[in-house]
Amino acid sequence: MAGWLQSVGVTANSSSVTSFTISPAQAVVAGDTLVLAVALGGSGTGTVSATDSAGNTYTVRYTGVLSGDTRLVVLIAENVAALTTSQSVTVTIPSDNYAAVCEEYQAATGYYYAFDTASANATGNSSSLLSGSATPTTSADVAIGALK
């Protein structure tokens, strides 16, 4: 059975940077899955990567254009080593006009999932969001949504 996704840390930047750091607001349990959703705006088209002070490996599992010059990159670290609140995750990005990241973790120690990429882009600026549809491949699928 899939676990609940909880927010570990969030950061945003409104100026050009090439990296930023997030410290978990709560400890991350060994064996969990960490998800980084990074929204980038501006002209940068280079590589997005992440490292953390526990030595976990992050893999880019999705990259795509949300709208205009806004790009979304999702990085996943599975079966992670524990992270304490005094440790940090560093995200490296191309020099963009702005960047925002929301780091989440899946509190399901011992469960490992294949990551199926199903993108359903939404556009518009109303107060109601409609992402489109995605078809789950197993009964334990977890949907991850990211907003600009």
Protein backbone atom coordinates (compact mmCIF):
# COMPACT_ATOMS: atom_id res chain seq x y z
CA MET A 1 0.00 0.00 0.00
CA ALA A 2 1.35 3.42 -0.91
CA GLY A 3 2.20 5.92 1.80
CA TRP A 4 1.15 9.51 2.16
CA LEU A 5 3.31 12.19 0.56
CA GLN A 6 4.34 14.83 3.05
CA SER A 7 6.04 18.12 2.35
CA VAL A 8 9.55 18.19 3.74
CA GLY A 9 10.65 21.61 2.55
CA VAL A 10 9.76 24.36 0.12
CA THR A 11 11.79 27.21 -1.27
CA ALA A 12 11.38 29.83 -3.99
CA ASN A 13 13.67 32.34 -5.61
CA SER A 14 12.77 35.29 -7.79
CA SER A 15 16.21 36.07 -9.15
CA SER A 16 18.89 34.34 -11.20
CA VAL A 17 20.64 31.62 -9.21
CA THR A 18 22.54 28.48 -10.11
CA SER A 19 21.79 26.52 -6.93
CA PHE A 20 19.77 26.64 -3.75
CA THR A 21 19.47 24.59 -0.60
CA ILE A 22 16.52 23.12 1.28
CA SER A 23 16.73 21.86 4.86
CA PRO A 24 14.05 19.32 5.77
CA ALA A 25 11.50 20.71 8.22
CA GLN A 26 11.14 17.15 9.56
CA ALA A 27 13.37 14.11 9.48
CA VAL A 28 13.23 11.81 6.45
CA VAL A 29 13.16 8.11 7.33
CA ALA A 30 15.65 5.72 5.74
CA GLY A 31 14.03 3.78 2.92
CA ASP A 32 11.57 6.53 1.93
CA THR A 33 11.33 8.09 -1.52
CA LEU A 34 12.16 11.76 -2.01
CA VAL A 35 10.53 13.75 -4.81
CA LEU A 36 11.77 17.15 -5.99
CA ALA A 37 9.49 19.14 -8.28
CA VAL A 38 11.48 22.06 -9.72
CA ALA A 39 9.75 24.76 -11.76
CA LEU A 40 12.10 26.94 -13.79
CA GLY A 41 11.36 30.14 -15.64
CA GLY A 42 13.53 32.13 -17.99
CA SER A 43 15.93 31.24 -20.72
CA GLY A 44 17.98 28.45 -19.11
CA THR A 45 17.74 25.07 -20.79
CA GLY A 46 20.60 23.21 -19.11
CA THR A 47 20.76 20.36 -16.65
CA VAL A 48 18.96 20.24 -13.32
CA SER A 49 20.50 18.03 -10.62
CA ALA A 50 20.32 17.45 -6.88
CA THR A 51 22.52 16.13 -4.11
CA ASP A 52 22.05 15.91 -0.37
CA SER A 53 24.24 15.61 2.68
CA ALA A 54 23.22 11.96 3.22
CA GLY A 55 24.66 10.98 -0.19
CA ASN A 56 21.35 10.01 -1.81
CA THR A 57 21.22 9.76 -5.62
CA TYR A 58 18.59 11.84 -7.46
CA THR A 59 17.52 10.91 -10.98
CA VAL A 60 15.62 13.17 -13.39
CA ARG A 61 12.39 11.28 -14.10
CA TYR A 62 10.44 13.94 -15.95
CA THR A 63 11.19 17.18 -17.75
CA GLY A 64 8.77 19.20 -19.82
CA VAL A 65 7.48 22.66 -20.63
CA LEU A 66 4.51 23.79 -18.55
CA SER A 67 3.74 26.93 -20.55
CA GLY A 68 5.73 29.60 -22.35
CA ASP A 69 9.22 29.58 -20.87
CA THR A 70 8.31 27.67 -17.70
CA ARG A 71 9.84 24.23 -17.40
CA LEU A 72 9.09 21.48 -14.87
CA VAL A 73 11.72 18.94 -13.80
CA VAL A 74 10.92 16.08 -11.39
CA LEU A 75 13.81 14.33 -9.64
CA ILE A 76 13.41 11.15 -7.55
CA ALA A 77 15.65 9.53 -4.93
CA GLU A 78 14.43 6.06 -3.91
CA ASN A 79 15.25 3.99 -0.84
CA VAL A 80 17.06 6.97 0.68
CA ALA A 81 19.46 7.18 3.57
CA ALA A 82 17.90 9.09 6.46
CA LEU A 83 18.05 12.88 6.45
CA THR A 84 17.87 14.91 9.66
CA THR A 85 16.62 18.48 9.96
CA SER A 86 20.22 19.68 10.23
CA GLN A 87 21.09 18.20 6.82
CA SER A 88 20.20 19.66 3.43
CA VAL A 89 19.34 19.03 -0.21
CA THR A 90 21.08 21.19 -2.84
CA VAL A 91 19.44 21.70 -6.23
CA THR A 92 21.65 22.91 -9.10
CA ILE A 93 19.94 24.64 -12.01
CA PRO A 94 20.91 26.55 -15.14
CA SER A 95 20.96 30.31 -14.64
CA ASP A 96 17.26 31.15 -14.98
CA ASN A 97 15.19 34.19 -14.15
CA TYR A 98 13.50 32.38 -11.28
CA ALA A 99 13.19 28.94 -9.76
CA ALA A 100 10.94 27.32 -7.21
CA VAL A 101 11.15 23.86 -5.71
CA CYS A 102 8.86 21.84 -3.51
CA GLU A 103 10.53 18.82 -1.97
CA GLU A 104 8.31 16.03 -0.77
CA TYR A 105 8.90 12.55 0.52
CA GLN A 106 6.86 9.42 0.44
CA ALA A 107 6.48 8.05 3.93
CA ALA A 108 6.38 4.41 2.90
CA THR A 109 9.48 2.75 4.27
CA GLY A 110 10.23 -0.48 2.47
CA TYR A 111 8.02 0.19 -0.56
CA TYR A 112 9.70 0.95 -3.86
CA TYR A 113 7.81 1.97 -6.94
CA ALA A 114 8.60 2.25 -10.60
CA PHE A 115 8.03 5.80 -11.77
CA ASP A 116 5.65 5.95 -14.71
CA THR A 117 5.72 9.31 -16.42
CA ALA A 118 2.28 10.45 -17.42
CA SER A 119 2.08 14.14 -18.06
CA ALA A 120 -1.14 16.02 -18.32
CA ASN A 121 -0.40 19.68 -18.84
CA ALA A 122 -2.94 22.30 -17.94
CA THR A 123 -2.99 25.89 -19.04
CA GLY A 124 -4.92 28.94 -18.01
CA ASN A 125 -5.07 31.24 -15.04
CA SER A 126 -8.44 30.66 -13.38
CA SER A 127 -8.94 29.73 -9.76
CA SER A 128 -9.97 26.20 -10.77
CA LEU A 129 -7.32 23.77 -11.98
CA LEU A 130 -7.87 20.91 -14.38
CA SER A 131 -4.81 18.81 -15.15
CA GLY A 132 -6.28 16.38 -17.61
CA SER A 133 -6.20 12.64 -17.05
CA ALA A 134 -3.56 10.04 -16.31
CA THR A 135 -4.22 6.30 -16.15
CA PRO A 136 -2.71 4.42 -13.19
CA THR A 137 -0.76 1.28 -14.01
CA THR A 138 -1.10 -0.41 -10.60
CA SER A 139 -3.42 -0.13 -7.61
CA ALA A 140 -0.54 1.34 -5.56
CA ASP A 141 0.19 4.28 -7.91
CA VAL A 142 0.76 7.68 -6.33
CA ALA A 143 0.00 10.85 -8.31
CA ILE A 144 2.37 13.78 -7.98
CA GLY A 145 1.23 17.22 -9.08
CA ALA A 146 3.28 20.37 -9.40
CA LEU A 147 2.08 23.90 -9.99
CA LYS A 148 3.93 26.92 -11.26
